[in-house]
């Protein structure tokens, strides 16, 4: 089981952590939300909890709780810029469908 970042995503996270002045890495999770059932949750982590799993990709730690890993295994997180829009893009092989607005997904 694994989760990884592209080099662009890792560079963005490193830059953000440096700007914050602290942090262990990026927590990636899943919560119940939206019309398709699941939504991604991202937040910076200052302290890793004992039950969390840690993956390292391009020198950045990705922290995931065991329940979310069931939905995120194999995911590659990218950071893209398209015109005026920029943000993280999830390439999750477990997704079977997504809502029309792209805010939630189903597995």
PDB file of N, CA and C in Angstrom:
ATOM      1  N   UNK A   1       0.849  -1.181   0.000  1.00  0.00           N
ATOM      2  CA  UNK A   1       0.000   0.000   0.000  1.00  0.00           C
ATOM      3  C   UNK A   1       0.890   1.238   0.000  1.00  0.00           C
ATOM      4  N   UNK A   2       0.529   2.204  -0.824  1.00  0.00           N
ATOM      5  CA  UNK A   2       1.358   3.405  -0.914  1.00  0.00           C
ATOM      6  C   UNK A   2       0.582   4.573  -1.499  1.00  0.00           C
ATOM      7  N   UNK A   3       1.053   5.752  -1.155  1.00  0.00           N
ATOM      8  CA  UNK A   3       0.561   7.013  -1.706  1.00  0.00           C
ATOM      9  C   UNK A   3       1.807   7.810  -2.061  1.00  0.00           C
ATOM     10  N   UNK A   4       1.771   8.552  -3.180  1.00  0.00           N
ATOM     11  CA  UNK A   4       2.963   9.299  -3.577  1.00  0.00           C
ATOM     12  C   UNK A   4       2.605  10.675  -4.130  1.00  0.00           C
ATOM     13  N   UNK A   5       3.631  11.498  -4.236  1.00  0.00           N
ATOM     14  CA  UNK A   5       3.529  12.844  -4.793  1.00  0.00           C
ATOM     15  C   UNK A   5       4.337  12.922  -6.075  1.00  0.00           C
ATOM     16  N   UNK A   6       3.915  13.768  -6.995  1.00  0.00           N
ATOM     17  CA  UNK A   6       4.781  14.092  -8.121  1.00  0.00           C
ATOM     18  C   UNK A   6       5.816  15.089  -7.612  1.00  0.00           C
ATOM     19  N   UNK A   7       6.845  15.328  -8.382  1.00  0.00           N
ATOM     20  CA  UNK A   7       7.865  16.301  -7.985  1.00  0.00           C
ATOM     21  C   UNK A   7       7.250  17.696  -7.819  1.00  0.00           C
ATOM     22  N   UNK A   8       6.313  18.058  -8.694  1.00  0.00           N
ATOM     23  CA  UNK A   8       5.659  19.375  -8.599  1.00  0.00           C
ATOM     24  C   UNK A   8       4.880  19.508  -7.293  1.00  0.00           C
ATOM     25  N   UNK A   9       4.157  18.462  -6.903  1.00  0.00           N
ATOM     26  CA  UNK A   9       3.392  18.497  -5.655  1.00  0.00           C
ATOM     27  C   UNK A   9       4.331  18.556  -4.454  1.00  0.00           C
ATOM     28  N   UNK A  10       5.398  17.764  -4.490  1.00  0.00           N
ATOM     29  CA  UNK A  10       6.360  17.772  -3.389  1.00  0.00           C
ATOM     30  C   UNK A  10       7.004  19.149  -3.234  1.00  0.00           C
ATOM     31  N   UNK A  11       7.354  19.774  -4.351  1.00  0.00           N
ATOM     32  CA  UNK A  11       7.962  21.109  -4.297  1.00  0.00           C
ATOM     33  C   UNK A  11       6.990  22.116  -3.686  1.00  0.00           C
ATOM     34  N   UNK A  12       5.716  22.030  -4.043  1.00  0.00           N
ATOM     35  CA  UNK A  12       4.715  22.944  -3.494  1.00  0.00           C
ATOM     36  C   UNK A  12       4.544  22.733  -1.988  1.00  0.00           C
ATOM     37  N   UNK A  13       4.504  21.477  -1.553  1.00  0.00           N
ATOM     38  CA  UNK A  13       4.351  21.185  -0.123  1.00  0.00           C
ATOM     39  C   UNK A  13       5.575  21.667   0.646  1.00  0.00           C
ATOM     40  N   UNK A  14       6.774  21.399   0.129  1.00  0.00           N
ATOM     41  CA  UNK A  14       8.008  21.868   0.802  1.00  0.00           C
ATOM     42  C   UNK A  14       7.998  23.386   0.941  1.00  0.00           C
ATOM     43  N   UNK A  15       7.621  24.080  -0.127  1.00  0.00           N
ATOM     44  CA  UNK A  15       7.563  25.539  -0.110  1.00  0.00           C
ATOM     45  C   UNK A  15       6.557  26.026   0.935  1.00  0.00           C
ATOM     46  N   UNK A  16       5.408  25.387   1.000  1.00  0.00           N
ATOM     47  CA  UNK A  16       4.370  25.770   1.965  1.00  0.00           C
ATOM     48  C   UNK A  16       4.820  25.502   3.398  1.00  0.00           C
ATOM     49  N   UNK A  17       5.477  24.369   3.626  1.00  0.00           N
ATOM     50  CA  UNK A  17       5.983  24.059   4.965  1.00  0.00           C
ATOM     51  C   UNK A  17       7.061  25.058   5.379  1.00  0.00           C
ATOM     52  N   UNK A  18       7.933  25.411   4.446  1.00  0.00           N
ATOM     53  CA  UNK A  18       8.967  26.408   4.737  1.00  0.00           C
ATOM     54  C   UNK A  18       8.336  27.747   5.098  1.00  0.00           C
ATOM     55  N   UNK A  19       7.302  28.117   4.365  1.00  0.00           N
ATOM     56  CA  UNK A  19       6.604  29.378   4.615  1.00  0.00           C
ATOM     57  C   UNK A  19       5.932  29.380   5.987  1.00  0.00           C
ATOM     58  N   UNK A  20       5.371  28.227   6.384  1.00  0.00           N
ATOM     59  CA  UNK A  20       4.750  28.081   7.701  1.00  0.00           C
ATOM     60  C   UNK A  20       5.788  28.139   8.817  1.00  0.00           C
ATOM     61  N   UNK A  21       7.001  27.657   8.518  1.00  0.00           N
ATOM     62  CA  UNK A  21       8.062  27.639   9.514  1.00  0.00           C
ATOM     63  C   UNK A  21       8.050  26.417  10.416  1.00  0.00           C
ATOM     64  N   UNK A  22       7.136  25.488  10.157  1.00  0.00           N
ATOM     65  CA  UNK A  22       7.064  24.256  10.939  1.00  0.00           C
ATOM     66  C   UNK A  22       6.226  23.246  10.184  1.00  0.00           C
ATOM     67  N   UNK A  23       6.263  22.005  10.648  1.00  0.00           N
ATOM     68  CA  UNK A  23       5.416  20.970  10.064  1.00  0.00           C
ATOM     69  C   UNK A  23       6.187  19.717   9.724  1.00  0.00           C
ATOM     70  N   UNK A  24       5.514  18.585   9.943  1.00  0.00           N
ATOM     71  CA  UNK A  24       6.085  17.273   9.639  1.00  0.00           C
ATOM     72  C   UNK A  24       5.835  16.866   8.199  1.00  0.00           C
ATOM     73  N   UNK A  25       4.711  17.299   7.654  1.00  0.00           N
ATOM     74  CA  UNK A  25       4.342  16.888   6.307  1.00  0.00           C
ATOM     75  C   UNK A  25       2.901  17.238   6.014  1.00  0.00           C
ATOM     76  N   UNK A  26       2.304  16.454   5.112  1.00  0.00           N
ATOM     77  CA  UNK A  26       0.941  16.704   4.648  1.00  0.00           C
ATOM     78  C   UNK A  26       0.061  15.507   4.986  1.00  0.00           C
ATOM     79  N   UNK A  27      -1.057  15.774   5.665  1.00  0.00           N
ATOM     80  CA  UNK A  27      -2.013  14.713   5.975  1.00  0.00           C
ATOM     81  C   UNK A  27      -3.027  14.648   4.833  1.00  0.00           C
ATOM     82  N   UNK A  28      -3.246  13.438   4.363  1.00  0.00           N
ATOM     83  CA  UNK A  28      -4.217  13.179   3.308  1.00  0.00           C
ATOM     84  C   UNK A  28      -5.249  12.216   3.873  1.00  0.00           C
ATOM     85  N   UNK A  29      -6.511  12.591   3.746  1.00  0.00           N
ATOM     86  CA  UNK A  29      -7.568  11.751   4.276  1.00  0.00           C
ATOM     87  C   UNK A  29      -8.808  11.800   3.416  1.00  0.00           C
ATOM     88  N   UNK A  30      -9.813  11.063   3.845  1.00  0.00           N
ATOM     89  CA  UNK A  30     -11.095  10.995   3.158  1.00  0.00           C
ATOM     90  C   UNK A  30     -12.184  11.185   4.201  1.00  0.00           C
ATOM     91  N   UNK A  31     -13.211  11.952   3.853  1.00  0.00           N
ATOM     92  CA  UNK A  31     -14.363  12.126   4.745  1.00  0.00           C
ATOM     93  C   UNK A  31     -15.632  11.933   3.927  1.00  0.00           C
ATOM     94  N   UNK A  32     -16.717  11.653   4.611  1.00  0.00           N
ATOM     95  CA  UNK A  32     -18.014  11.517   3.960  1.00  0.00           C
ATOM     96  C   UNK A  32     -18.515  12.914   3.614  1.00  0.00           C
ATOM     97  N   UNK A  33     -18.838  13.111   2.332  1.00  0.00           N
ATOM     98  CA  UNK A  33     -19.268  14.440   1.894  1.00  0.00           C
ATOM     99  C   UNK A  33     -19.745  14.396   0.455  1.00  0.00           C
ATOM    100  N   UNK A  34     -20.489  15.410   0.072  1.00  0.00           N
ATOM    101  CA  UNK A  34     -20.884  15.599  -1.320  1.00  0.00           C
ATOM    102  C   UNK A  34     -21.908  14.600  -1.812  1.00  0.00           C
ATOM    103  N   UNK A  35     -22.273  14.771  -3.063  1.00  0.00           N
ATOM    104  CA  UNK A  35     -23.323  13.927  -3.639  1.00  0.00           C
ATOM    105  C   UNK A  35     -22.818  12.543  -4.037  1.00  0.00           C
ATOM    106  N   UNK A  36     -21.493  12.366  -4.178  1.00  0.00           N
ATOM    107  CA  UNK A  36     -20.963  11.051  -4.544  1.00  0.00           C
ATOM    108  C   UNK A  36     -20.491  10.255  -3.332  1.00  0.00           C
ATOM    109  N   UNK A  37     -20.391  10.891  -2.174  1.00  0.00           N
ATOM    110  CA  UNK A  37     -20.123  10.137  -0.958  1.00  0.00           C
ATOM    111  C   UNK A  37     -18.814  10.404  -0.242  1.00  0.00           C
ATOM    112  N   UNK A  38     -17.716  10.670  -0.955  1.00  0.00           N
ATOM    113  CA  UNK A  38     -16.412  10.867  -0.325  1.00  0.00           C
ATOM    114  C   UNK A  38     -15.755  12.132  -0.874  1.00  0.00           C
ATOM    115  N   UNK A  39     -14.968  12.771   0.000  1.00  0.00           N
ATOM    116  CA  UNK A  39     -14.207  13.947  -0.413  1.00  0.00           C
ATOM    117  C   UNK A  39     -12.818  13.864   0.216  1.00  0.00           C
ATOM    118  N   UNK A  40     -11.843  14.442  -0.461  1.00  0.00           N
ATOM    119  CA  UNK A  40     -10.472  14.462   0.043  1.00  0.00           C
ATOM    120  C   UNK A  40     -10.318  15.545   1.100  1.00  0.00           C
ATOM    121  N   UNK A  41      -9.443  15.277   2.054  1.00  0.00           N
ATOM    122  CA  UNK A  41      -9.087  16.239   3.089  1.00  0.00           C
ATOM    123  C   UNK A  41      -7.569  16.360   3.089  1.00  0.00           C
ATOM    124  N   UNK A  42      -7.081  17.596   3.013  1.00  0.00           N
ATOM    125  CA  UNK A  42      -5.639  17.867   3.075  1.00  0.00           C
ATOM    126  C   UNK A  42      -5.377  18.868   4.186  1.00  0.00           C
ATOM    127  N   UNK A  43      -4.337  18.615   4.973  1.00  0.00           N
ATOM    128  CA  UNK A  43      -3.942  19.578   5.989  1.00  0.00           C
ATOM    129  C   UNK A  43      -2.476  19.354   6.355  1.00  0.00           C
ATOM    130  N   UNK A  44      -1.829  20.413   6.794  1.00  0.00           N
ATOM    131  CA  UNK A  44      -0.454  20.286   7.242  1.00  0.00           C
ATOM    132  C   UNK A  44      -0.439  19.617   8.610  1.00  0.00           C
ATOM    133  N   UNK A  45       0.597  18.843   8.863  1.00  0.00           N
ATOM    134  CA  UNK A  45       0.714  18.076  10.095  1.00  0.00           C
ATOM    135  C   UNK A  45       1.902  18.581  10.897  1.00  0.00           C
ATOM    136  N   UNK A  46       1.628  18.910  12.166  1.00  0.00           N
ATOM    137  CA  UNK A  46       2.709  19.285  13.064  1.00  0.00           C
ATOM    138  C   UNK A  46       3.138  18.109  13.935  1.00  0.00           C
ATOM    139  N   UNK A  47       2.193  17.198  14.221  1.00  0.00           N
ATOM    140  CA  UNK A  47       2.491  16.022  15.033  1.00  0.00           C
ATOM    141  C   UNK A  47       1.815  14.803  14.419  1.00  0.00           C
ATOM    142  N   UNK A  48       2.591  13.770  14.145  1.00  0.00           N
ATOM    143  CA  UNK A  48       2.054  12.523  13.606  1.00  0.00           C
ATOM    144  C   UNK A  48       1.486  11.711  14.765  1.00  0.00           C
ATOM    145  N   UNK A  49       0.255  11.238  14.600  1.00  0.00           N
ATOM    146  CA  UNK A  49      -0.395  10.418  15.626  1.00  0.00           C
ATOM    147  C   UNK A  49       0.125   8.982  15.548  1.00  0.00           C
ATOM    148  N   UNK A  50       0.156   8.274  16.684  1.00  0.00           N
ATOM    149  CA  UNK A  50       0.712   6.913  16.716  1.00  0.00           C
ATOM    150  C   UNK A  50       0.069   5.934  15.740  1.00  0.00           C
ATOM    151  N   UNK A  51      -1.232   6.074  15.459  1.00  0.00           N
ATOM    152  CA  UNK A  51      -1.912   5.123  14.580  1.00  0.00           C
ATOM    153  C   UNK A  51      -1.809   5.491  13.096  1.00  0.00           C
ATOM    154  N   UNK A  52      -1.211   6.632  12.777  1.00  0.00           N
ATOM    155  CA  UNK A  52      -1.134   7.074  11.384  1.00  0.00           C
ATOM    156  C   UNK A  52       0.042   6.417  10.658  1.00  0.00           C
ATOM    157  N   UNK A  53      -0.136   6.248   9.366  1.00  0.00           N
ATOM    158  CA  UNK A  53       0.904   5.688   8.503  1.00  0.00           C
ATOM    159  C   UNK A  53       1.630   6.836   7.815  1.00  0.00           C
ATOM    160  N   UNK A  54       2.930   6.680   7.632  1.00  0.00           N
ATOM    161  CA  UNK A  54       3.733   7.730   7.009  1.00  0.00           C
ATOM    162  C   UNK A  54       4.392   7.173   5.749  1.00  0.00           C
ATOM    163  N   UNK A  55       4.183   7.865   4.635  1.00  0.00           N
ATOM    164  CA  UNK A  55       4.823   7.542   3.367  1.00  0.00           C
ATOM    165  C   UNK A  55       5.718   8.719   3.013  1.00  0.00           C
ATOM    166  N   UNK A  56       6.856   8.465   2.409  1.00  0.00           N
ATOM    167  CA  UNK A  56       7.725   9.558   1.999  1.00  0.00           C
ATOM    168  C   UNK A  56       7.861   9.537   0.483  1.00  0.00           C
ATOM    169  N   UNK A  57       7.715  10.723  -0.121  1.00  0.00           N
ATOM    170  CA  UNK A  57       7.794  10.846  -1.569  1.00  0.00           C
ATOM    171  C   UNK A  57       8.508  12.141  -1.906  1.00  0.00           C
ATOM    172  N   UNK A  58       9.598  12.058  -2.634  1.00  0.00           N
ATOM    173  CA  UNK A  58      10.398  13.225  -3.023  1.00  0.00           C
ATOM    174  C   UNK A  58      10.764  14.077  -1.812  1.00  0.00           C
ATOM    175  N   UNK A  59      11.074  13.402  -0.700  1.00  0.00           N
ATOM    176  CA  UNK A  59      11.502  14.101   0.504  1.00  0.00           C
ATOM    177  C   UNK A  59      10.398  14.710   1.336  1.00  0.00           C
ATOM    178  N   UNK A  60       9.131  14.437   1.007  1.00  0.00           N
ATOM    179  CA  UNK A  60       7.990  14.971   1.752  1.00  0.00           C
ATOM    180  C   UNK A  60       7.239  13.810   2.392  1.00  0.00           C
ATOM    181  N   UNK A  61       6.866  13.990   3.663  1.00  0.00           N
ATOM    182  CA  UNK A  61       6.087  12.978   4.361  1.00  0.00           C
ATOM    183  C   UNK A  61       4.598  13.172   4.090  1.00  0.00           C
ATOM    184  N   UNK A  62       3.941  12.072   3.723  1.00  0.00           N
ATOM    185  CA  UNK A  62       2.488  12.022   3.572  1.00  0.00           C
ATOM    186  C   UNK A  62       1.957  11.176   4.719  1.00  0.00           C
ATOM    187  N   UNK A  63       1.065  11.745   5.497  1.00  0.00           N
ATOM    188  CA  UNK A  63       0.529  11.075   6.670  1.00  0.00           C
ATOM    189  C   UNK A  63      -0.927  10.700   6.399  1.00  0.00           C
ATOM    190  N   UNK A  64      -1.278   9.421   6.669  1.00  0.00           N
ATOM    191  CA  UNK A  64      -2.609   8.910   6.349  1.00  0.00           C
ATOM    192  C   UNK A  64      -3.107   8.039   7.491  1.00  0.00           C
ATOM    193  N   UNK A  65      -4.384   8.188   7.842  1.00  0.00           N
ATOM    194  CA  UNK A  65      -4.969   7.294   8.843  1.00  0.00           C
ATOM    195  C   UNK A  65      -5.325   5.976   8.152  1.00  0.00           C
ATOM    196  N   UNK A  66      -5.317   4.864   8.890  1.00  0.00           N
ATOM    197  CA  UNK A  66      -5.572   3.548   8.285  1.00  0.00           C
ATOM    198  C   UNK A  66      -6.904   3.431   7.540  1.00  0.00           C
ATOM    199  N   UNK A  67      -7.972   4.057   8.037  1.00  0.00           N
ATOM    200  CA  UNK A  67      -9.275   3.967   7.360  1.00  0.00           C
ATOM    201  C   UNK A  67      -9.247   4.671   6.009  1.00  0.00           C
ATOM    202  N   UNK A  68      -8.598   5.833   5.938  1.00  0.00           N
ATOM    203  CA  UNK A  68      -8.519   6.562   4.669  1.00  0.00           C
ATOM    204  C   UNK A  68      -7.656   5.823   3.656  1.00  0.00           C
ATOM    205  N   UNK A  69      -6.640   5.107   4.139  1.00  0.00           N
ATOM    206  CA  UNK A  69      -5.745   4.403   3.224  1.00  0.00           C
ATOM    207  C   UNK A  69      -6.502   3.395   2.373  1.00  0.00           C
ATOM    208  N   UNK A  70      -7.573   2.826   2.903  1.00  0.00           N
ATOM    209  CA  UNK A  70      -8.371   1.878   2.121  1.00  0.00           C
ATOM    210  C   UNK A  70      -8.910   2.513   0.842  1.00  0.00           C
ATOM    211  N   UNK A  71      -9.210   3.819   0.891  1.00  0.00           N
ATOM    212  CA  UNK A  71      -9.751   4.537  -0.262  1.00  0.00           C
ATOM    213  C   UNK A  71      -8.660   5.223  -1.089  1.00  0.00           C
ATOM    214  N   UNK A  72      -7.462   5.376  -0.516  1.00  0.00           N
ATOM    215  CA  UNK A  72      -6.406   6.166  -1.149  1.00  0.00           C
ATOM    216  C   UNK A  72      -5.227   5.353  -1.677  1.00  0.00           C
ATOM    217  N   UNK A  73      -5.197   4.067  -1.412  1.00  0.00           N
ATOM    218  CA  UNK A  73      -4.067   3.253  -1.824  1.00  0.00           C
ATOM    219  C   UNK A  73      -3.803   3.384  -3.326  1.00  0.00           C
ATOM    220  N   UNK A  74      -2.583   3.691  -3.667  1.00  0.00           N
ATOM    221  CA  UNK A  74      -2.194   3.842  -5.071  1.00  0.00           C
ATOM    222  C   UNK A  74      -2.348   5.247  -5.614  1.00  0.00           C
ATOM    223  N   UNK A  75      -2.858   6.167  -4.814  1.00  0.00           N
ATOM    224  CA  UNK A  75      -3.090   7.548  -5.259  1.00  0.00           C
ATOM    225  C   UNK A  75      -1.779   8.284  -5.492  1.00  0.00           C
ATOM    226  N   UNK A  76      -1.737   9.046  -6.569  1.00  0.00           N
ATOM    227  CA  UNK A  76      -0.619   9.954  -6.849  1.00  0.00           C
ATOM    228  C   UNK A  76      -1.197  11.361  -6.788  1.00  0.00           C
ATOM    229  N   UNK A  77      -0.589  12.195  -5.961  1.00  0.00           N
ATOM    230  CA  UNK A  77      -1.039  13.571  -5.785  1.00  0.00           C
ATOM    231  C   UNK A  77      -0.129  14.492  -6.598  1.00  0.00           C
ATOM    232  N   UNK A  78      -0.742  15.270  -7.484  1.00  0.00           N
ATOM    233  CA  UNK A  78      -0.003  16.195  -8.339  1.00  0.00           C
ATOM    234  C   UNK A  78      -0.411  17.620  -7.981  1.00  0.00           C
ATOM    235  N   UNK A  79       0.400  18.588  -8.392  1.00  0.00           N
ATOM    236  CA  UNK A  79       0.046  19.995  -8.225  1.00  0.00           C
ATOM    237  C   UNK A  79       0.129  20.632  -9.601  1.00  0.00           C
ATOM    238  N   UNK A  80      -0.982  21.179 -10.059  1.00  0.00           N
ATOM    239  CA  UNK A  80      -1.028  21.699 -11.422  1.00  0.00           C
ATOM    240  C   UNK A  80      -1.467  23.158 -11.450  1.00  0.00           C
ATOM    241  N   UNK A  81      -1.071  23.824 -12.523  1.00  0.00           N
ATOM    242  CA  UNK A  81      -1.510  25.188 -12.802  1.00  0.00           C
ATOM    243  C   UNK A  81      -2.076  25.211 -14.210  1.00  0.00           C
ATOM    244  N   UNK A  82      -3.301  25.689 -14.321  1.00  0.00           N
ATOM    245  CA  UNK A  82      -3.958  25.815 -15.618  1.00  0.00           C
ATOM    246  C   UNK A  82      -4.575  27.195 -15.689  1.00  0.00           C
ATOM    247  N   UNK A  83      -3.946  28.084 -16.405  1.00  0.00           N
ATOM    248  CA  UNK A  83      -4.424  29.458 -16.476  1.00  0.00           C
ATOM    249  C   UNK A  83      -4.344  30.110 -15.111  1.00  0.00           C
ATOM    250  N   UNK A  84      -5.459  30.619 -14.619  1.00  0.00           N
ATOM    251  CA  UNK A  84      -5.500  31.260 -13.309  1.00  0.00           C
ATOM    252  C   UNK A  84      -5.751  30.262 -12.175  1.00  0.00           C
ATOM    253  N   UNK A  85      -6.044  29.023 -12.529  1.00  0.00           N
ATOM    254  CA  UNK A  85      -6.362  28.004 -11.522  1.00  0.00           C
ATOM    255  C   UNK A  85      -5.130  27.172 -11.195  1.00  0.00           C
ATOM    256  N   UNK A  86      -4.962  26.899  -9.913  1.00  0.00           N
ATOM    257  CA  UNK A  86      -3.901  26.007  -9.486  1.00  0.00           C
ATOM    258  C   UNK A  86      -4.382  25.221  -8.283  1.00  0.00           C
ATOM    259  N   UNK A  87      -3.851  24.017  -8.145  1.00  0.00           N
ATOM    260  CA  UNK A  87      -4.241  23.210  -6.999  1.00  0.00           C
ATOM    261  C   UNK A  87      -3.809  21.771  -7.147  1.00  0.00           C
ATOM    262  N   UNK A  88      -4.125  21.003  -6.116  1.00  0.00           N
ATOM    263  CA  UNK A  88      -3.776  19.592  -6.117  1.00  0.00           C
ATOM    264  C   UNK A  88      -4.742  18.814  -6.997  1.00  0.00           C
ATOM    265  N   UNK A  89      -4.203  17.817  -7.671  1.00  0.00           N
ATOM    266  CA  UNK A  89      -4.985  16.930  -8.521  1.00  0.00           C
ATOM    267  C   UNK A  89      -4.714  15.503  -8.050  1.00  0.00           C
ATOM    268  N   UNK A  90      -5.775  14.751  -7.824  1.00  0.00           N
ATOM    269  CA  UNK A  90      -5.677  13.391  -7.313  1.00  0.00           C
ATOM    270  C   UNK A  90      -5.832  12.393  -8.448  1.00  0.00           C
ATOM    271  N   UNK A  91      -4.858  11.516  -8.599  1.00  0.00           N
ATOM    272  CA  UNK A  91      -4.971  10.401  -9.530  1.00  0.00           C
ATOM    273  C   UNK A  91      -5.159   9.159  -8.665  1.00  0.00           C
ATOM    274  N   UNK A  92      -6.418   8.843  -8.388  1.00  0.00           N
ATOM    275  CA  UNK A  92      -6.767   7.768  -7.472  1.00  0.00           C
ATOM    276  C   UNK A  92      -7.345   6.603  -8.270  1.00  0.00           C
ATOM    277  N   UNK A  93      -6.621   5.478  -8.324  1.00  0.00           N
ATOM    278  CA  UNK A  93      -7.094   4.340  -9.115  1.00  0.00           C
ATOM    279  C   UNK A  93      -8.339   3.664  -8.541  1.00  0.00           C
ATOM    280  N   UNK A  94      -8.728   4.017  -7.324  1.00  0.00           N
ATOM    281  CA  UNK A  94      -9.885   3.402  -6.674  1.00  0.00           C
ATOM    282  C   UNK A  94     -11.207   4.075  -7.014  1.00  0.00           C
ATOM    283  N   UNK A  95     -11.161   5.264  -7.591  1.00  0.00           N
ATOM    284  CA  UNK A  95     -12.376   6.033  -7.873  1.00  0.00           C
ATOM    285  C   UNK A  95     -13.168   5.372  -9.008  1.00  0.00           C
ATOM    286  N   UNK A  96     -14.440   5.143  -8.725  1.00  0.00           N
ATOM    287  CA  UNK A  96     -15.342   4.551  -9.719  1.00  0.00           C
ATOM    288  C   UNK A  96     -16.225   5.600 -10.379  1.00  0.00           C
ATOM    289  N   UNK A  97     -16.396   6.747  -9.705  1.00  0.00           N
ATOM    290  CA  UNK A  97     -17.227   7.802 -10.249  1.00  0.00           C
ATOM    291  C   UNK A  97     -17.053   9.070  -9.428  1.00  0.00           C
ATOM    292  N   UNK A  98     -17.465  10.198 -10.027  1.00  0.00           N
ATOM    293  CA  UNK A  98     -17.362  11.490  -9.341  1.00  0.00           C
ATOM    294  C   UNK A  98     -18.609  12.305  -9.654  1.00  0.00           C
ATOM    295  N   UNK A  99     -18.894  13.255  -8.782  1.00  0.00           N
ATOM    296  CA  UNK A  99     -20.047  14.130  -9.025  1.00  0.00           C
ATOM    297  C   UNK A  99     -19.697  15.116 -10.134  1.00  0.00           C
ATOM    298  N   UNK A 100     -20.691  15.765 -10.665  1.00  0.00           N
ATOM    299  CA  UNK A 100     -20.493  16.699 -11.772  1.00  0.00           C
ATOM    300  C   UNK A 100     -19.600  17.870 -11.435  1.00  0.00           C
ATOM    301  N   UNK A 101     -19.617  18.326 -10.199  1.00  0.00           N
ATOM    302  CA  UNK A 101     -18.795  19.485  -9.830  1.00  0.00           C
ATOM    303  C   UNK A 101     -17.370  19.080  -9.473  1.00  0.00           C
ATOM    304  N   UNK A 102     -17.111  17.778  -9.322  1.00  0.00           N
ATOM    305  CA  UNK A 102     -15.760  17.314  -9.037  1.00  0.00           C
ATOM    306  C   UNK A 102     -15.348  17.399  -7.572  1.00  0.00           C
ATOM    307  N   UNK A 103     -16.283  17.729  -6.691  1.00  0.00           N
ATOM    308  CA  UNK A 103     -15.963  17.884  -5.271  1.00  0.00           C
ATOM    309  C   UNK A 103     -15.969  16.572  -4.488  1.00  0.00           C
ATOM    310  N   UNK A 104     -16.657  15.566  -5.011  1.00  0.00           N
ATOM    311  CA  UNK A 104     -16.712  14.296  -4.285  1.00  0.00           C
ATOM    312  C   UNK A 104     -16.596  13.127  -5.266  1.00  0.00           C
ATOM    313  N   UNK A 105     -16.351  11.947  -4.683  1.00  0.00           N
ATOM    314  CA  UNK A 105     -16.137  10.756  -5.514  1.00  0.00           C
ATOM    315  C   UNK A 105     -16.714   9.541  -4.801  1.00  0.00           C
ATOM    316  N   UNK A 106     -16.795   8.445  -5.548  1.00  0.00           N
ATOM    317  CA  UNK A 106     -17.247   7.172  -4.998  1.00  0.00           C
ATOM    318  C   UNK A 106     -16.246   6.103  -5.372  1.00  0.00           C
ATOM    319  N   UNK A 107     -16.118   5.095  -4.513  1.00  0.00           N
ATOM    320  CA  UNK A 107     -15.200   3.984  -4.783  1.00  0.00           C
ATOM    321  C   UNK A 107     -15.962   2.680  -4.850  1.00  0.00           C
TER     322      UNK A 107
END
